[in-house]
Amino acid sequence: MKTIFCRTSLAVWLAVCALPSGWADTVQTKGLASQESASAGAVHAEPESIGRFAREQWNLSEAEWTRYQTLMRGLRGSISPATLSPIEVLGIHAQTEPERKDYARRWAKLMHEDATRVLAFQAAYSEASREINPGGQIIDTKGLFGAAPQNTPIEWAQPGDRVLLFLPLDCLSCGDFLRAARQASTQGAQVDLYITGAAPDAAILQWASTQSFDPKAVQAKKITFNREGGELATVAGLGASPPKMIRLRNRVATPVEPSLPPKP
């Protein structure tokens, strides 16, 4: 089991696979049929990303910065999002393996530092929210949509249980699973989330910071985020597929459907 502590980036995947909508790699003058336009040719637009960054921001040498600008005026600039960083561009187009590893280390260090800042701010935000609104309800929905639903305890979760939730990051039907996992945690169960697929640590960490899990429970490792590495097949069988929630109690594994939880 690998618990996620570090952060990398989705941008490398986006650089290879994403094609921004509305991108035009050249801007041409009017009257293409005229002799003047034919002789003048196309006027190439400067890639937006070059103007977004400064060499000093990324601690790049003048030679590295020149190479980055050259790459972005070519194929890389025409198929990559404007947010692709200079270090990622240089790493993607590294000319040797040591050079690629160097850029990867530099990028990993920057992302780790950023992850630390994000988590610190998330913790400060959660604390500020509790101070401003001790009751936890941001908007009083009573009178707008009728009485607010009661937070009914999940009968199948109790102290001593371990709840395993297996899901991909892009799961659009996992809201009930995540709500059940959060509630099981408040009732004393250990909750371990296993992310399936090949999502990088950065994406997992960013996703986790948006899921409203109790920061104190996360810090105490009562809620953990892990990369799935065969655990799903171990507890649910070879044919099991995510999303899948399993309760472990007294070494007995029981599948859980949030809408129809098993009896205690």
C-alpha atoms as a PDB file:
ATOM      1  CA  MET A   1       0.000   0.000   0.000  1.00  0.00           C
ATOM      2  CA  LYS A   2       1.361   3.371  -0.960  1.00  0.00           C
ATOM      3  CA  THR A   3       0.018   6.374   0.925  1.00  0.00           C
ATOM      4  CA  ILE A   4       0.182   9.623  -1.005  1.00  0.00           C
ATOM      5  CA  PHE A   5       2.381  12.285   0.557  1.00  0.00           C
ATOM      6  CA  CYS A   6       4.119  13.938  -2.406  1.00  0.00           C
ATOM      7  CA  ARG A   7       2.788  15.862  -5.397  1.00  0.00           C
ATOM      8  CA  THR A   8       3.524  15.761  -9.103  1.00  0.00           C
ATOM      9  CA  SER A   9       1.560  17.175 -12.042  1.00  0.00           C
ATOM     10  CA  LEU A  10      -1.132  16.358 -14.585  1.00  0.00           C
ATOM     11  CA  ALA A  11       0.304  18.864 -16.979  1.00  0.00           C
ATOM     12  CA  VAL A  12       2.653  16.398 -18.687  1.00  0.00           C
ATOM     13  CA  TRP A  13      -0.320  14.269 -19.709  1.00  0.00           C
ATOM     14  CA  LEU A  14      -2.196  17.349 -20.844  1.00  0.00           C
ATOM     15  CA  ALA A  15       0.803  18.457 -22.845  1.00  0.00           C
ATOM     16  CA  VAL A  16       0.766  15.252 -24.837  1.00  0.00           C
ATOM     17  CA  CYS A  17      -2.976  14.651 -25.166  1.00  0.00           C
ATOM     18  CA  ALA A  18      -4.889  17.939 -24.899  1.00  0.00           C
ATOM     19  CA  LEU A  19      -5.640  20.233 -27.810  1.00  0.00           C
ATOM     20  CA  PRO A  20      -6.924  23.647 -26.668  1.00  0.00           C
ATOM     21  CA  SER A  21     -10.089  24.702 -28.455  1.00  0.00           C
ATOM     22  CA  GLY A  22      -9.876  27.767 -30.677  1.00  0.00           C
ATOM     23  CA  TRP A  23      -6.109  27.643 -30.977  1.00  0.00           C
ATOM     24  CA  ALA A  24      -4.689  29.217 -34.101  1.00  0.00           C
ATOM     25  CA  ASP A  25      -0.998  28.711 -34.687  1.00  0.00           C
ATOM     26  CA  THR A  26      -0.815  31.460 -37.262  1.00  0.00           C
ATOM     27  CA  VAL A  27      -2.579  34.738 -37.943  1.00  0.00           C
ATOM     28  CA  GLN A  28      -2.660  35.669 -41.598  1.00  0.00           C
ATOM     29  CA  THR A  29      -3.295  38.995 -43.265  1.00  0.00           C
ATOM     30  CA  LYS A  30      -6.432  39.565 -45.310  1.00  0.00           C
ATOM     31  CA  GLY A  31      -6.456  39.047 -49.071  1.00  0.00           C
ATOM     32  CA  LEU A  32      -4.485  35.833 -49.310  1.00  0.00           C
ATOM     33  CA  ALA A  33      -4.913  35.856 -53.065  1.00  0.00           C
ATOM     34  CA  SER A  34      -3.146  39.175 -53.429  1.00  0.00           C
ATOM     35  CA  GLN A  35       0.507  39.383 -54.383  1.00  0.00           C
ATOM     36  CA  GLU A  36       1.241  41.416 -51.266  1.00  0.00           C
ATOM     37  CA  SER A  37      -0.120  38.740 -48.957  1.00  0.00           C
ATOM     38  CA  ALA A  38       1.602  35.978 -50.852  1.00  0.00           C
ATOM     39  CA  SER A  39       4.961  37.668 -50.527  1.00  0.00           C
ATOM     40  CA  ALA A  40       4.439  38.652 -46.910  1.00  0.00           C
ATOM     41  CA  GLY A  41       3.282  35.167 -45.894  1.00  0.00           C
ATOM     42  CA  ALA A  42       1.830  34.357 -42.491  1.00  0.00           C
ATOM     43  CA  VAL A  43       2.504  36.350 -39.349  1.00  0.00           C
ATOM     44  CA  HIS A  44       3.069  33.867 -36.542  1.00  0.00           C
ATOM     45  CA  ALA A  45       1.384  34.589 -33.241  1.00  0.00           C
ATOM     46  CA  GLU A  46       3.496  34.397 -30.105  1.00  0.00           C
ATOM     47  CA  PRO A  47       2.360  31.435 -27.973  1.00  0.00           C
ATOM     48  CA  GLU A  48       0.391  32.715 -24.985  1.00  0.00           C
ATOM     49  CA  SER A  49       2.452  30.692 -22.518  1.00  0.00           C
ATOM     50  CA  ILE A  50       5.684  32.521 -23.326  1.00  0.00           C
ATOM     51  CA  GLY A  51       4.166  35.768 -22.154  1.00  0.00           C
ATOM     52  CA  ARG A  52       2.807  34.164 -18.988  1.00  0.00           C
ATOM     53  CA  PHE A  53       6.171  33.232 -17.528  1.00  0.00           C
ATOM     54  CA  ALA A  54       9.481  34.876 -16.704  1.00  0.00           C
ATOM     55  CA  ARG A  55      12.850  33.131 -16.701  1.00  0.00           C
ATOM     56  CA  GLU A  56      13.573  34.137 -13.113  1.00  0.00           C
ATOM     57  CA  GLN A  57      10.382  32.461 -11.869  1.00  0.00           C
ATOM     58  CA  TRP A  58      11.721  29.067 -12.842  1.00  0.00           C
ATOM     59  CA  ASN A  59      15.407  29.557 -12.082  1.00  0.00           C
ATOM     60  CA  LEU A  60      16.384  28.789 -15.663  1.00  0.00           C
ATOM     61  CA  SER A  61      19.604  29.727 -17.402  1.00  0.00           C
ATOM     62  CA  GLU A  62      19.514  31.950 -20.477  1.00  0.00           C
ATOM     63  CA  ALA A  63      20.268  28.904 -22.644  1.00  0.00           C
ATOM     64  CA  GLU A  64      17.390  26.956 -21.088  1.00  0.00           C
ATOM     65  CA  TRP A  65      15.026  29.892 -21.541  1.00  0.00           C
ATOM     66  CA  THR A  66      15.990  30.266 -25.192  1.00  0.00           C
ATOM     67  CA  ARG A  67      15.405  26.568 -25.807  1.00  0.00           C
ATOM     68  CA  TYR A  68      12.020  26.761 -24.055  1.00  0.00           C
ATOM     69  CA  GLN A  69      10.946  29.686 -26.250  1.00  0.00           C
ATOM     70  CA  THR A  70      12.093  27.855 -29.382  1.00  0.00           C
ATOM     71  CA  LEU A  71      10.149  24.735 -28.435  1.00  0.00           C
ATOM     72  CA  MET A  72       6.984  26.692 -27.712  1.00  0.00           C
ATOM     73  CA  ARG A  73       7.120  28.333 -31.132  1.00  0.00           C
ATOM     74  CA  GLY A  74       7.069  24.874 -32.683  1.00  0.00           C
ATOM     75  CA  LEU A  75       4.888  21.807 -32.323  1.00  0.00           C
ATOM     76  CA  ARG A  76       4.898  21.885 -28.524  1.00  0.00           C
ATOM     77  CA  GLY A  77       3.309  25.323 -28.414  1.00  0.00           C
ATOM     78  CA  SER A  78       0.632  24.373 -30.923  1.00  0.00           C
ATOM     79  CA  ILE A  79      -0.624  21.290 -29.063  1.00  0.00           C
ATOM     80  CA  SER A  80      -0.084  22.204 -25.397  1.00  0.00           C
ATOM     81  CA  PRO A  81      -2.143  24.298 -22.973  1.00  0.00           C
ATOM     82  CA  ALA A  82      -0.827  27.745 -22.117  1.00  0.00           C
ATOM     83  CA  THR A  83      -0.369  26.668 -18.500  1.00  0.00           C
ATOM     84  CA  LEU A  84       2.325  24.120 -19.356  1.00  0.00           C
ATOM     85  CA  SER A  85       5.363  25.237 -17.369  1.00  0.00           C
ATOM     86  CA  PRO A  86       8.813  25.853 -18.874  1.00  0.00           C
ATOM     87  CA  ILE A  87      10.326  23.069 -16.743  1.00  0.00           C
ATOM     88  CA  GLU A  88       7.782  20.565 -18.060  1.00  0.00           C
ATOM     89  CA  VAL A  89       8.436  21.657 -21.644  1.00  0.00           C
ATOM     90  CA  LEU A  90      12.173  21.219 -21.199  1.00  0.00           C
ATOM     91  CA  GLY A  91      11.666  17.890 -19.446  1.00  0.00           C
ATOM     92  CA  ILE A  92       9.408  16.555 -22.193  1.00  0.00           C
ATOM     93  CA  HIS A  93      12.029  17.518 -24.776  1.00  0.00           C
ATOM     94  CA  ALA A  94      15.082  16.530 -22.723  1.00  0.00           C
ATOM     95  CA  GLN A  95      17.980  15.460 -24.903  1.00  0.00           C
ATOM     96  CA  THR A  96      19.498  12.959 -22.459  1.00  0.00           C
ATOM     97  CA  GLU A  97      18.201  10.747 -19.660  1.00  0.00           C
ATOM     98  CA  PRO A  98      20.178  12.598 -16.925  1.00  0.00           C
ATOM     99  CA  GLU A  99      18.726  15.873 -18.210  1.00  0.00           C
ATOM    100  CA  ARG A 100      15.184  14.429 -18.096  1.00  0.00           C
ATOM    101  CA  LYS A 101      15.699  13.213 -14.533  1.00  0.00           C
ATOM    102  CA  ASP A 102      17.072  16.614 -13.507  1.00  0.00           C
ATOM    103  CA  TYR A 103      13.992  18.436 -14.798  1.00  0.00           C
ATOM    104  CA  ALA A 104      11.754  15.806 -13.187  1.00  0.00           C
ATOM    105  CA  ARG A 105      13.432  16.367  -9.807  1.00  0.00           C
ATOM    106  CA  ARG A 106      13.140  20.140 -10.141  1.00  0.00           C
ATOM    107  CA  TRP A 107       9.463  19.876 -11.029  1.00  0.00           C
ATOM    108  CA  ALA A 108       8.754  17.383  -8.217  1.00  0.00           C
ATOM    109  CA  LYS A 109      10.405  19.729  -5.717  1.00  0.00           C
ATOM    110  CA  LEU A 110       8.293  22.679  -6.875  1.00  0.00           C
ATOM    111  CA  MET A 111       5.086  20.612  -6.733  1.00  0.00           C
ATOM    112  CA  HIS A 112       5.921  19.242  -3.282  1.00  0.00           C
ATOM    113  CA  GLU A 113       6.438  22.782  -2.001  1.00  0.00           C
ATOM    114  CA  ASP A 114       3.166  23.861  -3.590  1.00  0.00           C
ATOM    115  CA  ALA A 115       1.314  20.885  -2.093  1.00  0.00           C
ATOM    116  CA  THR A 116       2.558  21.919   1.340  1.00  0.00           C
ATOM    117  CA  ARG A 117       1.205  25.431   0.797  1.00  0.00           C
ATOM    118  CA  VAL A 118      -2.150  24.109  -0.469  1.00  0.00           C
ATOM    119  CA  LEU A 119      -2.626  21.800   2.522  1.00  0.00           C
ATOM    120  CA  ALA A 120      -1.616  24.538   4.977  1.00  0.00           C
ATOM    121  CA  PHE A 121      -4.154  26.904   3.449  1.00  0.00           C
ATOM    122  CA  GLN A 122      -6.847  24.201   3.439  1.00  0.00           C
ATOM    123  CA  ALA A 123      -6.242  23.581   7.144  1.00  0.00           C
ATOM    124  CA  ALA A 124      -6.397  27.332   7.872  1.00  0.00           C
ATOM    125  CA  TYR A 125      -9.588  27.635   5.841  1.00  0.00           C
ATOM    126  CA  SER A 126     -11.242  24.746   7.689  1.00  0.00           C
ATOM    127  CA  GLU A 127     -10.306  26.275  11.034  1.00  0.00           C
ATOM    128  CA  ALA A 128     -11.590  29.704   9.976  1.00  0.00           C
ATOM    129  CA  SER A 129     -14.871  28.152   8.788  1.00  0.00           C
ATOM    130  CA  ARG A 130     -15.387  26.472  12.148  1.00  0.00           C
ATOM    131  CA  GLU A 131     -14.665  29.756  13.968  1.00  0.00           C
ATOM    132  CA  ILE A 132     -17.069  31.758  11.809  1.00  0.00           C
ATOM    133  CA  ASN A 133     -19.757  29.112  11.710  1.00  0.00           C
ATOM    134  CA  PRO A 134     -19.452  26.724  14.684  1.00  0.00           C
ATOM    135  CA  GLY A 135     -22.690  24.965  13.749  1.00  0.00           C
ATOM    136  CA  GLY A 136     -21.302  23.916  10.403  1.00  0.00           C
ATOM    137  CA  GLN A 137     -24.345  24.967   8.350  1.00  0.00           C
ATOM    138  CA  ILE A 138     -23.433  27.701   5.870  1.00  0.00           C
ATOM    139  CA  ILE A 139     -26.961  28.354   4.615  1.00  0.00           C
ATOM    140  CA  ASP A 140     -30.166  27.736   6.521  1.00  0.00           C
ATOM    141  CA  THR A 141     -32.219  25.859   3.947  1.00  0.00           C
ATOM    142  CA  LYS A 142     -35.268  25.564   6.179  1.00  0.00           C
ATOM    143  CA  GLY A 143     -38.036  27.619   4.644  1.00  0.00           C
ATOM    144  CA  LEU A 144     -36.394  27.454   1.232  1.00  0.00           C
ATOM    145  CA  PHE A 145     -36.727  23.771   0.492  1.00  0.00           C
ATOM    146  CA  GLY A 146     -38.534  22.546   3.574  1.00  0.00           C
ATOM    147  CA  ALA A 147     -36.883  20.980   6.595  1.00  0.00           C
ATOM    148  CA  ALA A 148     -33.249  20.041   6.176  1.00  0.00           C
ATOM    149  CA  PRO A 149     -32.669  16.260   6.044  1.00  0.00           C
ATOM    150  CA  GLN A 150     -31.480  14.669   9.253  1.00  0.00           C
ATOM    151  CA  ASN A 151     -27.955  13.261   9.422  1.00  0.00           C
ATOM    152  CA  THR A 152     -28.991   9.677  10.054  1.00  0.00           C
ATOM    153  CA  PRO A 153     -26.143   7.530  11.423  1.00  0.00           C
ATOM    154  CA  ILE A 154     -24.870   4.739   9.208  1.00  0.00           C
ATOM    155  CA  GLU A 155     -25.748   1.639  11.201  1.00  0.00           C
ATOM    156  CA  TRP A 156     -23.140  -0.538   9.532  1.00  0.00           C
ATOM    157  CA  ALA A 157     -20.167   1.588  10.612  1.00  0.00           C
ATOM    158  CA  GLN A 158     -18.835   1.604  14.144  1.00  0.00           C
ATOM    159  CA  PRO A 159     -15.569   2.035  16.049  1.00  0.00           C
ATOM    160  CA  GLY A 160     -13.203  -0.799  15.219  1.00  0.00           C
ATOM    161  CA  ASP A 161     -14.474  -1.180  11.665  1.00  0.00           C
ATOM    162  CA  ARG A 162     -12.274  -0.487   8.688  1.00  0.00           C
ATOM    163  CA  VAL A 163     -13.946   0.866   5.565  1.00  0.00           C
ATOM    164  CA  LEU A 164     -12.121   0.543   2.244  1.00  0.00           C
ATOM    165  CA  LEU A 165     -13.303   2.638  -0.684  1.00  0.00           C
ATOM    166  CA  PHE A 166     -11.903   1.951  -4.153  1.00  0.00           C
ATOM    167  CA  LEU A 167     -12.605   4.558  -6.830  1.00  0.00           C
ATOM    168  CA  PRO A 168     -11.057   6.396  -9.779  1.00  0.00           C
ATOM    169  CA  LEU A 169     -10.567  10.161  -9.569  1.00  0.00           C
ATOM    170  CA  ASP A 170     -12.895  10.796 -12.496  1.00  0.00           C
ATOM    171  CA  CYS A 171     -15.806   8.862 -10.983  1.00  0.00           C
ATOM    172  CA  LEU A 172     -19.029  10.790 -11.636  1.00  0.00           C
ATOM    173  CA  SER A 173     -21.219   8.414  -9.632  1.00  0.00           C
ATOM    174  CA  CYS A 174     -19.206   8.216  -6.424  1.00  0.00           C
ATOM    175  CA  GLY A 175     -20.893  11.000  -4.449  1.00  0.00           C
ATOM    176  CA  ASP A 176     -22.859   8.557  -2.271  1.00  0.00           C
ATOM    177  CA  PHE A 177     -19.740   6.473  -1.641  1.00  0.00           C
ATOM    178  CA  LEU A 178     -17.752   9.526  -0.539  1.00  0.00           C
ATOM    179  CA  ARG A 179     -20.537  10.802   1.713  1.00  0.00           C
ATOM    180  CA  ALA A 180     -20.808   7.362   3.302  1.00  0.00           C
ATOM    181  CA  ALA A 181     -17.039   7.245   3.822  1.00  0.00           C
ATOM    182  CA  ARG A 182     -17.025  10.656   5.519  1.00  0.00           C
ATOM    183  CA  GLN A 183     -19.920   9.681   7.773  1.00  0.00           C
ATOM    184  CA  ALA A 184     -18.355   6.333   8.642  1.00  0.00           C
ATOM    185  CA  SER A 185     -15.263   8.226   9.758  1.00  0.00           C
ATOM    186  CA  THR A 186     -17.287  10.476  12.071  1.00  0.00           C
ATOM    187  CA  GLN A 187     -18.703   7.324  13.654  1.00  0.00           C
ATOM    188  CA  GLY A 188     -15.276   6.002  14.569  1.00  0.00           C
ATOM    189  CA  ALA A 189     -14.451   3.727  11.649  1.00  0.00           C
ATOM    190  CA  GLN A 190     -11.019   3.738  10.001  1.00  0.00           C
ATOM    191  CA  VAL A 191     -11.480   4.864   6.379  1.00  0.00           C
ATOM    192  CA  ASP A 192      -8.931   4.056   3.677  1.00  0.00           C
ATOM    193  CA  LEU A 193      -9.476   5.356   0.163  1.00  0.00           C
ATOM    194  CA  TYR A 194      -7.700   3.592  -2.692  1.00  0.00           C
ATOM    195  CA  ILE A 195      -7.396   5.493  -5.966  1.00  0.00           C
ATOM    196  CA  THR A 196      -7.447   3.215  -8.999  1.00  0.00           C
ATOM    197  CA  GLY A 197      -5.874   3.988 -12.348  1.00  0.00           C
ATOM    198  CA  ALA A 198      -2.697   5.886 -13.152  1.00  0.00           C
ATOM    199  CA  ALA A 199      -3.481   9.297 -11.669  1.00  0.00           C
ATOM    200  CA  PRO A 200      -0.300  11.077 -10.490  1.00  0.00           C
ATOM    201  CA  ASP A 201       0.165  11.988  -6.849  1.00  0.00           C
ATOM    202  CA  ALA A 202      -0.531  15.667  -7.576  1.00  0.00           C
ATOM    203  CA  ALA A 203      -3.983  14.907  -8.928  1.00  0.00           C
ATOM    204  CA  ILE A 204      -4.795  12.654  -5.960  1.00  0.00           C
ATOM    205  CA  LEU A 205      -3.633  15.268  -3.489  1.00  0.00           C
ATOM    206  CA  GLN A 206      -5.571  18.060  -5.187  1.00  0.00           C
ATOM    207  CA  TRP A 207      -8.692  15.906  -5.371  1.00  0.00           C
ATOM    208  CA  ALA A 208      -8.403  14.942  -1.687  1.00  0.00           C
ATOM    209  CA  SER A 209      -8.202  18.596  -0.660  1.00  0.00           C
ATOM    210  CA  THR A 210     -11.622  19.233  -2.243  1.00  0.00           C
ATOM    211  CA  GLN A 211     -13.513  16.341  -0.621  1.00  0.00           C
ATOM    212  CA  SER A 212     -14.329  17.932   2.772  1.00  0.00           C
ATOM    213  CA  PHE A 213     -12.626  15.260   4.850  1.00  0.00           C
ATOM    214  CA  ASP A 214     -11.831  16.258   8.417  1.00  0.00           C
ATOM    215  CA  PRO A 215      -8.204  17.550   8.378  1.00  0.00           C
ATOM    216  CA  LYS A 216      -7.648  16.294  11.923  1.00  0.00           C
ATOM    217  CA  ALA A 217      -8.756  12.784  10.949  1.00  0.00           C
ATOM    218  CA  VAL A 218      -6.434  12.892   7.947  1.00  0.00           C
ATOM    219  CA  GLN A 219      -3.510  14.094  10.074  1.00  0.00           C
ATOM    220  CA  ALA A 220      -4.214  11.332  12.596  1.00  0.00           C
ATOM    221  CA  LYS A 221      -4.335   8.805   9.711  1.00  0.00           C
ATOM    222  CA  LYS A 222      -7.911   7.876  10.572  1.00  0.00           C
ATOM    223  CA  ILE A 223      -8.557   8.682   6.906  1.00  0.00           C
ATOM    224  CA  THR A 224      -5.871   7.737   4.402  1.00  0.00           C
ATOM    225  CA  PHE A 225      -5.447   8.209   0.658  1.00  0.00           C
ATOM    226  CA  ASN A 226      -3.611   5.433  -1.138  1.00  0.00           C
ATOM    227  CA  ARG A 227      -2.742   4.270  -4.610  1.00  0.00           C
ATOM    228  CA  GLU A 228      -4.485   0.950  -5.300  1.00  0.00           C
ATOM    229  CA  GLY A 229      -2.006  -1.837  -5.865  1.00  0.00           C
ATOM    230  CA  GLY A 230      -3.983  -5.071  -5.863  1.00  0.00           C
ATOM    231  CA  GLU A 231      -5.927  -4.579  -2.629  1.00  0.00           C
ATOM    232  CA  LEU A 232      -9.295  -4.545  -4.447  1.00  0.00           C
ATOM    233  CA  ALA A 233      -8.781  -8.060  -5.838  1.00  0.00           C
ATOM    234  CA  THR A 234      -7.545  -9.256  -2.447  1.00  0.00           C
ATOM    235  CA  VAL A 235     -10.632  -8.187  -0.501  1.00  0.00           C
ATOM    236  CA  ALA A 236     -13.323  -8.373  -3.204  1.00  0.00           C
ATOM    237  CA  GLY A 237     -12.119 -10.958  -5.723  1.00  0.00           C
ATOM    238  CA  LEU A 238     -10.515 -10.811  -9.157  1.00  0.00           C
ATOM    239  CA  GLY A 239     -13.727  -9.731 -10.884  1.00  0.00           C
ATOM    240  CA  ALA A 240     -14.307  -6.688  -8.661  1.00  0.00           C
ATOM    241  CA  SER A 241     -14.274  -3.253 -10.270  1.00  0.00           C
ATOM    242  CA  PRO A 242     -14.467   0.261  -8.837  1.00  0.00           C
ATOM    243  CA  PRO A 243     -16.293   2.006  -7.370  1.00  0.00           C
ATOM    244  CA  LYS A 244     -16.382  -0.518  -4.561  1.00  0.00           C
ATOM    245  CA  MET A 245     -16.773  -0.103  -0.792  1.00  0.00           C
ATOM    246  CA  ILE A 246     -15.814  -2.888   1.603  1.00  0.00           C
ATOM    247  CA  ARG A 247     -16.312  -3.061   5.364  1.00  0.00           C
ATOM    248  CA  LEU A 248     -13.828  -5.122   7.355  1.00  0.00           C
ATOM    249  CA  ARG A 249     -15.056  -6.281  10.750  1.00  0.00           C
ATOM    250  CA  ASN A 250     -13.540  -9.125  12.721  1.00  0.00           C
ATOM    251  CA  ARG A 251     -11.592 -10.123   9.599  1.00  0.00           C
ATOM    252  CA  VAL A 252     -14.809 -10.486   7.616  1.00  0.00           C
ATOM    253  CA  ALA A 253     -15.085  -8.451   4.387  1.00  0.00           C
ATOM    254  CA  THR A 254     -18.584  -7.250   3.515  1.00  0.00           C
ATOM    255  CA  PRO A 255     -19.419  -5.280   0.340  1.00  0.00           C
ATOM    256  CA  VAL A 256     -21.296  -2.043   1.010  1.00  0.00           C
ATOM    257  CA  GLU A 257     -23.685  -0.161  -1.245  1.00  0.00           C
ATOM    258  CA  PRO A 258     -24.213   3.321   0.220  1.00  0.00           C
ATOM    259  CA  SER A 259     -27.912   3.275  -0.658  1.00  0.00           C
ATOM    260  CA  LEU A 260     -28.393  -0.229   0.756  1.00  0.00           C
ATOM    261  CA  PRO A 261     -25.815  -0.775   3.518  1.00  0.00           C
ATOM    262  CA  PRO A 262     -25.523  -4.248   5.049  1.00  0.00           C
ATOM    263  CA  LYS A 263     -27.059  -4.943   8.413  1.00  0.00           C
ATOM    264  CA  PRO A 264     -24.745  -4.620  11.427  1.00  0.00           C
END
